N, C-alpha and C. Protein backbone atom coordinates (compact mmCIF):
# COMPACT_ATOMS: atom_id res chain seq x y z
N MET A 1 4.78 1.46 -19.16
CA MET A 1 4.94 0.65 -17.95
C MET A 1 4.12 1.25 -16.82
N LYS A 2 3.73 0.36 -15.90
CA LYS A 2 2.99 0.78 -14.72
C LYS A 2 3.56 0.10 -13.49
N PHE A 3 3.83 0.91 -12.47
CA PHE A 3 4.30 0.38 -11.19
C PHE A 3 3.21 0.59 -10.15
N LEU A 4 2.94 -0.42 -9.36
CA LEU A 4 2.07 -0.29 -8.20
C LEU A 4 2.96 -0.10 -6.98
N VAL A 5 2.66 0.94 -6.20
CA VAL A 5 3.43 1.22 -4.99
C VAL A 5 2.46 1.21 -3.80
N PRO A 6 2.36 0.08 -3.09
CA PRO A 6 1.49 0.02 -1.91
C PRO A 6 2.17 0.74 -0.74
N ILE A 7 1.41 1.56 -0.04
CA ILE A 7 1.99 2.32 1.08
C ILE A 7 1.09 2.24 2.31
N ASP A 8 1.69 2.49 3.47
CA ASP A 8 0.92 2.54 4.71
C ASP A 8 1.35 3.71 5.61
N GLY A 9 2.22 4.56 5.09
CA GLY A 9 2.68 5.70 5.89
C GLY A 9 3.93 5.40 6.70
N SER A 10 4.43 4.18 6.63
CA SER A 10 5.64 3.82 7.37
C SER A 10 6.88 4.35 6.67
N LYS A 11 8.00 4.34 7.38
CA LYS A 11 9.28 4.76 6.80
C LYS A 11 9.62 3.90 5.58
N SER A 12 9.37 2.62 5.70
CA SER A 12 9.67 1.69 4.62
C SER A 12 8.84 1.99 3.37
N SER A 13 7.56 2.28 3.55
CA SER A 13 6.74 2.58 2.37
C SER A 13 7.11 3.92 1.76
N ASN A 14 7.51 4.87 2.59
CA ASN A 14 7.96 6.17 2.07
C ASN A 14 9.22 5.99 1.22
N GLU A 15 10.09 5.11 1.67
CA GLU A 15 11.31 4.80 0.92
C GLU A 15 10.97 4.12 -0.41
N SER A 16 9.97 3.27 -0.40
CA SER A 16 9.57 2.58 -1.63
C SER A 16 9.03 3.57 -2.67
N VAL A 17 8.39 4.64 -2.23
CA VAL A 17 7.91 5.67 -3.16
C VAL A 17 9.11 6.35 -3.83
N LYS A 18 10.14 6.63 -3.06
CA LYS A 18 11.34 7.27 -3.61
C LYS A 18 12.02 6.36 -4.65
N VAL A 19 12.12 5.07 -4.32
CA VAL A 19 12.74 4.12 -5.24
C VAL A 19 11.89 3.97 -6.51
N ALA A 20 10.58 3.88 -6.34
CA ALA A 20 9.68 3.75 -7.50
C ALA A 20 9.79 4.99 -8.39
N ARG A 21 9.90 6.15 -7.77
CA ARG A 21 10.03 7.39 -8.54
C ARG A 21 11.32 7.37 -9.37
N LYS A 22 12.43 7.03 -8.71
CA LYS A 22 13.72 6.99 -9.41
C LYS A 22 13.71 6.00 -10.58
N LEU A 23 13.22 4.81 -10.30
CA LEU A 23 13.15 3.78 -11.33
C LEU A 23 12.13 4.16 -12.41
N GLY A 24 11.01 4.70 -12.00
CA GLY A 24 9.96 5.11 -12.92
C GLY A 24 10.41 6.19 -13.89
N GLU A 25 11.22 7.12 -13.39
CA GLU A 25 11.74 8.18 -14.26
C GLU A 25 12.66 7.61 -15.34
N LYS A 26 13.37 6.56 -15.00
CA LYS A 26 14.30 5.94 -15.97
C LYS A 26 13.57 5.16 -17.06
N VAL A 27 12.44 4.55 -16.71
CA VAL A 27 11.74 3.71 -17.69
C VAL A 27 10.39 4.29 -18.12
N GLN A 28 10.13 5.54 -17.75
CA GLN A 28 8.91 6.26 -18.13
C GLN A 28 7.65 5.53 -17.66
N ALA A 29 7.62 5.16 -16.40
CA ALA A 29 6.50 4.39 -15.85
C ALA A 29 5.48 5.29 -15.17
N ASP A 30 4.22 4.90 -15.28
CA ASP A 30 3.16 5.52 -14.48
C ASP A 30 3.22 4.88 -13.10
N LEU A 31 2.93 5.67 -12.08
CA LEU A 31 2.93 5.15 -10.71
C LEU A 31 1.51 5.13 -10.17
N LEU A 32 1.10 3.97 -9.68
CA LEU A 32 -0.20 3.82 -9.03
C LEU A 32 0.08 3.60 -7.55
N ILE A 33 -0.33 4.54 -6.74
CA ILE A 33 -0.06 4.48 -5.30
C ILE A 33 -1.33 3.97 -4.61
N LEU A 34 -1.18 2.92 -3.82
CA LEU A 34 -2.33 2.28 -3.18
C LEU A 34 -2.09 2.14 -1.68
N THR A 35 -3.12 2.47 -0.91
CA THR A 35 -3.09 2.12 0.51
C THR A 35 -4.33 1.28 0.80
N VAL A 36 -4.18 0.31 1.67
CA VAL A 36 -5.27 -0.60 1.99
C VAL A 36 -5.71 -0.37 3.42
N ILE A 37 -7.00 -0.09 3.57
CA ILE A 37 -7.58 0.11 4.89
C ILE A 37 -7.88 -1.27 5.48
N PRO A 38 -7.40 -1.51 6.70
CA PRO A 38 -7.62 -2.85 7.30
C PRO A 38 -9.10 -3.13 7.54
N GLU A 39 -9.43 -4.40 7.54
CA GLU A 39 -10.81 -4.82 7.78
C GLU A 39 -11.18 -4.61 9.24
N THR A 40 -12.45 -4.31 9.49
CA THR A 40 -12.93 -4.17 10.86
C THR A 40 -13.98 -5.24 11.16
N SER A 41 -13.87 -6.38 10.53
CA SER A 41 -14.89 -7.43 10.62
C SER A 41 -15.09 -7.99 12.03
N ILE A 42 -14.08 -7.87 12.89
CA ILE A 42 -14.22 -8.37 14.27
C ILE A 42 -15.37 -7.65 14.96
N PHE A 43 -15.44 -6.34 14.75
CA PHE A 43 -16.47 -5.55 15.41
C PHE A 43 -17.85 -5.74 14.79
N GLU A 44 -17.90 -6.08 13.51
CA GLU A 44 -19.17 -6.20 12.81
C GLU A 44 -19.95 -7.43 13.24
N GLN A 45 -19.32 -8.35 13.94
CA GLN A 45 -20.01 -9.57 14.37
C GLN A 45 -21.02 -9.29 15.48
N TYR A 46 -20.86 -8.18 16.17
CA TYR A 46 -21.71 -7.88 17.30
C TYR A 46 -22.48 -6.59 17.03
N PRO A 47 -23.81 -6.67 16.93
CA PRO A 47 -24.61 -5.48 16.58
C PRO A 47 -24.37 -4.29 17.50
N THR A 48 -24.07 -4.51 18.76
CA THR A 48 -23.86 -3.39 19.69
C THR A 48 -22.60 -2.61 19.37
N ASN A 49 -21.69 -3.19 18.58
CA ASN A 49 -20.45 -2.51 18.22
C ASN A 49 -20.56 -1.70 16.94
N PHE A 50 -21.73 -1.66 16.33
CA PHE A 50 -21.91 -0.98 15.05
C PHE A 50 -21.42 0.48 15.09
N PRO A 51 -21.76 1.28 16.11
CA PRO A 51 -21.26 2.68 16.13
C PRO A 51 -19.73 2.75 16.16
N TYR A 52 -19.11 1.83 16.86
CA TYR A 52 -17.65 1.82 16.94
C TYR A 52 -17.05 1.46 15.59
N THR A 53 -17.68 0.52 14.90
CA THR A 53 -17.22 0.12 13.57
C THR A 53 -17.24 1.31 12.63
N LEU A 54 -18.31 2.09 12.67
CA LEU A 54 -18.41 3.27 11.82
C LEU A 54 -17.30 4.28 12.13
N GLU A 55 -17.02 4.47 13.40
CA GLU A 55 -15.96 5.41 13.80
C GLU A 55 -14.58 4.92 13.36
N ILE A 56 -14.35 3.63 13.50
CA ILE A 56 -13.07 3.05 13.07
C ILE A 56 -12.92 3.18 11.56
N ASP A 57 -13.99 2.86 10.84
CA ASP A 57 -13.95 3.00 9.37
C ASP A 57 -13.66 4.43 8.96
N LYS A 58 -14.30 5.37 9.63
CA LYS A 58 -14.09 6.79 9.31
C LYS A 58 -12.64 7.19 9.59
N ALA A 59 -12.12 6.78 10.73
CA ALA A 59 -10.73 7.11 11.08
C ALA A 59 -9.75 6.47 10.10
N ASN A 60 -10.01 5.24 9.70
CA ASN A 60 -9.13 4.56 8.74
C ASN A 60 -9.16 5.25 7.39
N THR A 61 -10.33 5.68 6.95
CA THR A 61 -10.45 6.38 5.67
C THR A 61 -9.71 7.71 5.72
N GLU A 62 -9.86 8.44 6.82
CA GLU A 62 -9.15 9.72 6.97
C GLU A 62 -7.64 9.50 6.96
N ARG A 63 -7.19 8.46 7.62
CA ARG A 63 -5.76 8.16 7.63
C ARG A 63 -5.26 7.82 6.22
N ALA A 64 -6.03 7.02 5.49
CA ALA A 64 -5.65 6.66 4.12
C ALA A 64 -5.54 7.91 3.25
N GLU A 65 -6.51 8.80 3.37
CA GLU A 65 -6.48 10.04 2.58
C GLU A 65 -5.28 10.90 2.96
N PHE A 66 -4.95 10.94 4.25
CA PHE A 66 -3.80 11.72 4.73
C PHE A 66 -2.50 11.15 4.16
N VAL A 67 -2.34 9.84 4.23
CA VAL A 67 -1.13 9.17 3.73
C VAL A 67 -0.98 9.41 2.23
N LEU A 68 -2.08 9.32 1.50
CA LEU A 68 -2.04 9.52 0.05
C LEU A 68 -1.75 10.97 -0.31
N THR A 69 -2.24 11.91 0.48
CA THR A 69 -1.97 13.33 0.23
C THR A 69 -0.48 13.61 0.37
N ASP A 70 0.15 13.01 1.37
CA ASP A 70 1.59 13.17 1.57
C ASP A 70 2.38 12.66 0.36
N VAL A 71 1.98 11.53 -0.18
CA VAL A 71 2.66 10.96 -1.33
C VAL A 71 2.41 11.82 -2.57
N ASP A 72 1.21 12.34 -2.69
CA ASP A 72 0.90 13.23 -3.81
C ASP A 72 1.87 14.42 -3.83
N LYS A 73 2.17 14.95 -2.65
CA LYS A 73 3.13 16.07 -2.55
C LYS A 73 4.53 15.60 -2.96
N GLU A 74 4.90 14.42 -2.53
CA GLU A 74 6.21 13.84 -2.86
C GLU A 74 6.38 13.66 -4.38
N LEU A 75 5.29 13.36 -5.06
CA LEU A 75 5.35 13.09 -6.50
C LEU A 75 4.86 14.28 -7.35
N GLU A 76 4.79 15.43 -6.74
CA GLU A 76 4.25 16.61 -7.42
C GLU A 76 4.90 16.89 -8.78
N ASN A 77 6.19 16.77 -8.87
CA ASN A 77 6.91 17.06 -10.12
C ASN A 77 7.31 15.80 -10.89
N TYR A 78 6.66 14.69 -10.60
CA TYR A 78 6.96 13.46 -11.31
C TYR A 78 6.57 13.65 -12.77
N PRO A 79 7.48 13.36 -13.71
CA PRO A 79 7.23 13.69 -15.12
C PRO A 79 6.19 12.82 -15.84
N TYR A 80 5.76 11.73 -15.22
CA TYR A 80 4.78 10.85 -15.85
C TYR A 80 3.54 10.79 -14.97
N ASN A 81 2.55 10.04 -15.38
CA ASN A 81 1.30 9.98 -14.62
C ASN A 81 1.50 9.29 -13.27
N HIS A 82 0.79 9.80 -12.30
CA HIS A 82 0.69 9.10 -11.02
C HIS A 82 -0.72 9.30 -10.47
N GLU A 83 -1.24 8.26 -9.88
CA GLU A 83 -2.58 8.30 -9.31
C GLU A 83 -2.55 7.65 -7.94
N THR A 84 -3.47 8.08 -7.08
CA THR A 84 -3.57 7.49 -5.75
C THR A 84 -4.92 6.79 -5.60
N PHE A 85 -4.90 5.69 -4.85
CA PHE A 85 -6.11 4.89 -4.64
C PHE A 85 -6.10 4.37 -3.21
N TYR A 86 -7.29 4.10 -2.70
CA TYR A 86 -7.36 3.31 -1.47
C TYR A 86 -8.52 2.34 -1.57
N THR A 87 -8.35 1.23 -0.88
CA THR A 87 -9.36 0.20 -0.83
C THR A 87 -9.32 -0.40 0.57
N SER A 88 -10.19 -1.34 0.84
CA SER A 88 -10.17 -1.98 2.16
C SER A 88 -10.13 -3.48 2.00
N GLY A 89 -9.68 -4.14 3.05
CA GLY A 89 -9.61 -5.59 3.05
C GLY A 89 -8.27 -6.09 3.53
N ASN A 90 -7.97 -7.31 3.17
CA ASN A 90 -6.68 -7.90 3.52
C ASN A 90 -5.61 -7.27 2.64
N PRO A 91 -4.60 -6.62 3.24
CA PRO A 91 -3.62 -5.89 2.45
C PRO A 91 -2.95 -6.70 1.34
N ALA A 92 -2.41 -7.87 1.65
CA ALA A 92 -1.70 -8.65 0.64
C ALA A 92 -2.63 -9.05 -0.51
N SER A 93 -3.81 -9.51 -0.19
CA SER A 93 -4.76 -9.91 -1.22
C SER A 93 -5.18 -8.74 -2.09
N GLN A 94 -5.44 -7.61 -1.45
CA GLN A 94 -5.89 -6.43 -2.19
C GLN A 94 -4.78 -5.89 -3.10
N ILE A 95 -3.55 -5.94 -2.63
CA ILE A 95 -2.41 -5.48 -3.44
C ILE A 95 -2.27 -6.35 -4.69
N CYS A 96 -2.32 -7.66 -4.51
CA CYS A 96 -2.19 -8.59 -5.64
C CYS A 96 -3.35 -8.41 -6.62
N LYS A 97 -4.54 -8.29 -6.10
CA LYS A 97 -5.73 -8.10 -6.94
C LYS A 97 -5.64 -6.80 -7.72
N PHE A 98 -5.25 -5.72 -7.06
CA PHE A 98 -5.14 -4.41 -7.71
C PHE A 98 -4.10 -4.45 -8.83
N ALA A 99 -2.97 -5.07 -8.56
CA ALA A 99 -1.90 -5.15 -9.55
C ALA A 99 -2.37 -5.86 -10.81
N GLU A 100 -3.12 -6.94 -10.64
CA GLU A 100 -3.63 -7.68 -11.79
C GLU A 100 -4.70 -6.88 -12.54
N GLU A 101 -5.64 -6.31 -11.79
CA GLU A 101 -6.74 -5.56 -12.41
C GLU A 101 -6.26 -4.34 -13.19
N HIS A 102 -5.15 -3.76 -12.77
CA HIS A 102 -4.64 -2.55 -13.41
C HIS A 102 -3.45 -2.83 -14.33
N ASP A 103 -3.21 -4.10 -14.63
CA ASP A 103 -2.13 -4.51 -15.54
C ASP A 103 -0.79 -3.89 -15.18
N CYS A 104 -0.44 -3.96 -13.91
CA CYS A 104 0.84 -3.40 -13.45
C CYS A 104 1.98 -4.32 -13.88
N ASP A 105 3.12 -3.71 -14.16
CA ASP A 105 4.30 -4.46 -14.58
C ASP A 105 5.19 -4.82 -13.39
N LEU A 106 5.06 -4.05 -12.31
CA LEU A 106 5.93 -4.25 -11.15
C LEU A 106 5.25 -3.69 -9.91
N ILE A 107 5.43 -4.38 -8.80
CA ILE A 107 5.00 -3.88 -7.50
C ILE A 107 6.27 -3.47 -6.76
N VAL A 108 6.31 -2.23 -6.30
CA VAL A 108 7.46 -1.72 -5.54
C VAL A 108 6.95 -1.44 -4.13
N MET A 109 7.45 -2.19 -3.16
CA MET A 109 6.93 -2.04 -1.80
C MET A 109 8.03 -2.19 -0.75
N GLY A 110 7.76 -1.62 0.41
CA GLY A 110 8.70 -1.71 1.52
C GLY A 110 8.68 -3.08 2.17
N ASN A 111 9.76 -3.36 2.87
CA ASN A 111 9.85 -4.66 3.54
C ASN A 111 9.21 -4.67 4.91
N ARG A 112 8.97 -3.50 5.48
CA ARG A 112 8.35 -3.44 6.80
C ARG A 112 7.33 -2.32 6.82
N GLY A 113 6.13 -2.67 7.29
CA GLY A 113 5.08 -1.66 7.40
C GLY A 113 4.87 -1.25 8.83
N LEU A 114 3.68 -0.77 9.12
CA LEU A 114 3.36 -0.31 10.47
C LEU A 114 2.94 -1.43 11.40
N GLY A 115 2.58 -2.59 10.88
CA GLY A 115 1.99 -3.64 11.69
C GLY A 115 2.96 -4.66 12.24
N ALA A 116 3.87 -4.27 13.10
CA ALA A 116 4.88 -5.20 13.64
C ALA A 116 4.24 -6.35 14.41
N PHE A 117 3.23 -6.05 15.22
CA PHE A 117 2.59 -7.09 16.02
C PHE A 117 1.88 -8.10 15.13
N SER A 118 1.10 -7.62 14.16
CA SER A 118 0.38 -8.54 13.29
C SER A 118 1.34 -9.31 12.40
N ARG A 119 2.47 -8.70 12.05
CA ARG A 119 3.46 -9.38 11.23
C ARG A 119 4.00 -10.60 11.98
N THR A 120 4.19 -10.45 13.28
CA THR A 120 4.69 -11.55 14.09
C THR A 120 3.71 -12.72 14.05
N LEU A 121 2.42 -12.42 14.11
CA LEU A 121 1.41 -13.46 14.13
C LEU A 121 1.10 -14.02 12.75
N LEU A 122 1.06 -13.17 11.74
CA LEU A 122 0.53 -13.57 10.44
C LEU A 122 1.55 -13.60 9.31
N GLY A 123 2.74 -13.10 9.52
CA GLY A 123 3.72 -13.00 8.44
C GLY A 123 3.61 -11.63 7.78
N SER A 124 4.67 -11.18 7.18
CA SER A 124 4.67 -9.83 6.63
C SER A 124 3.85 -9.74 5.36
N VAL A 125 3.30 -8.56 5.12
CA VAL A 125 2.53 -8.30 3.91
C VAL A 125 3.43 -8.49 2.69
N SER A 126 4.65 -7.96 2.75
CA SER A 126 5.55 -8.08 1.60
C SER A 126 5.83 -9.55 1.27
N ASN A 127 6.01 -10.37 2.28
CA ASN A 127 6.25 -11.79 2.06
C ASN A 127 5.05 -12.45 1.38
N LYS A 128 3.85 -12.10 1.84
CA LYS A 128 2.64 -12.67 1.24
C LYS A 128 2.49 -12.21 -0.21
N VAL A 129 2.77 -10.93 -0.47
CA VAL A 129 2.64 -10.42 -1.84
C VAL A 129 3.65 -11.12 -2.75
N ILE A 130 4.88 -11.27 -2.29
CA ILE A 130 5.90 -11.97 -3.08
C ILE A 130 5.41 -13.36 -3.48
N ASN A 131 4.80 -14.06 -2.54
CA ASN A 131 4.39 -15.44 -2.79
C ASN A 131 3.05 -15.57 -3.52
N GLN A 132 2.18 -14.56 -3.44
CA GLN A 132 0.85 -14.67 -4.05
C GLN A 132 0.73 -13.94 -5.39
N SER A 133 1.55 -12.94 -5.62
CA SER A 133 1.38 -12.09 -6.79
C SER A 133 1.83 -12.77 -8.08
N LYS A 134 1.09 -12.48 -9.15
CA LYS A 134 1.49 -12.92 -10.49
C LYS A 134 2.37 -11.87 -11.14
N VAL A 135 2.52 -10.73 -10.45
CA VAL A 135 3.33 -9.61 -10.94
C VAL A 135 4.65 -9.62 -10.17
N SER A 136 5.73 -9.25 -10.82
CA SER A 136 7.04 -9.18 -10.14
C SER A 136 7.01 -8.14 -9.03
N VAL A 137 7.78 -8.41 -7.98
CA VAL A 137 7.79 -7.54 -6.80
C VAL A 137 9.22 -7.10 -6.50
N LEU A 138 9.40 -5.81 -6.33
CA LEU A 138 10.68 -5.25 -5.87
C LEU A 138 10.47 -4.82 -4.43
N VAL A 139 11.21 -5.42 -3.51
CA VAL A 139 11.08 -5.11 -2.09
C VAL A 139 12.20 -4.15 -1.71
N VAL A 140 11.81 -2.99 -1.20
CA VAL A 140 12.76 -1.95 -0.79
C VAL A 140 13.06 -2.14 0.69
N LYS A 141 14.33 -2.33 0.99
CA LYS A 141 14.75 -2.58 2.37
C LYS A 141 15.26 -1.27 2.98
N SER A 142 14.37 -0.59 3.65
CA SER A 142 14.73 0.72 4.21
C SER A 142 15.48 0.60 5.53
N ASP A 143 15.44 -0.54 6.18
CA ASP A 143 16.08 -0.67 7.48
C ASP A 143 17.56 -1.06 7.41
N LEU A 144 18.14 -1.00 6.24
CA LEU A 144 19.57 -1.33 6.10
C LEU A 144 20.46 -0.10 6.23
N LYS A 145 19.90 1.07 6.25
CA LYS A 145 20.70 2.30 6.28
C LYS A 145 21.21 2.61 7.65
């Protein structure tokens, strides 16, 4: 079995890693940890913003690597395989695409990420993944405690 665990460094995604680990240990699942770097296409439309786009991309990549390093530490003694990945683009689309491409059996993700403002405008990533994914989704509700 393979579980995809999309993370963004939020409390909710950290909780989803813990749940995926617990469940994964019971069913001997490999864990694929993914973080998605947001698109910076707004800045790319204007040539004068090119240096800023590069700086934003660099900062986003560094953040992704930092978030994944933290999870790597959390899963240090996980008895089965675990790998970390990052990609860029629309989070919900990239999560669904990754799950299909890697033949994942389950997506384990938090119900709330870091993007509260964008969630208000666009809808939550978890909601989009639930509705777009061909893979089953387990949503971890960390804000109930």
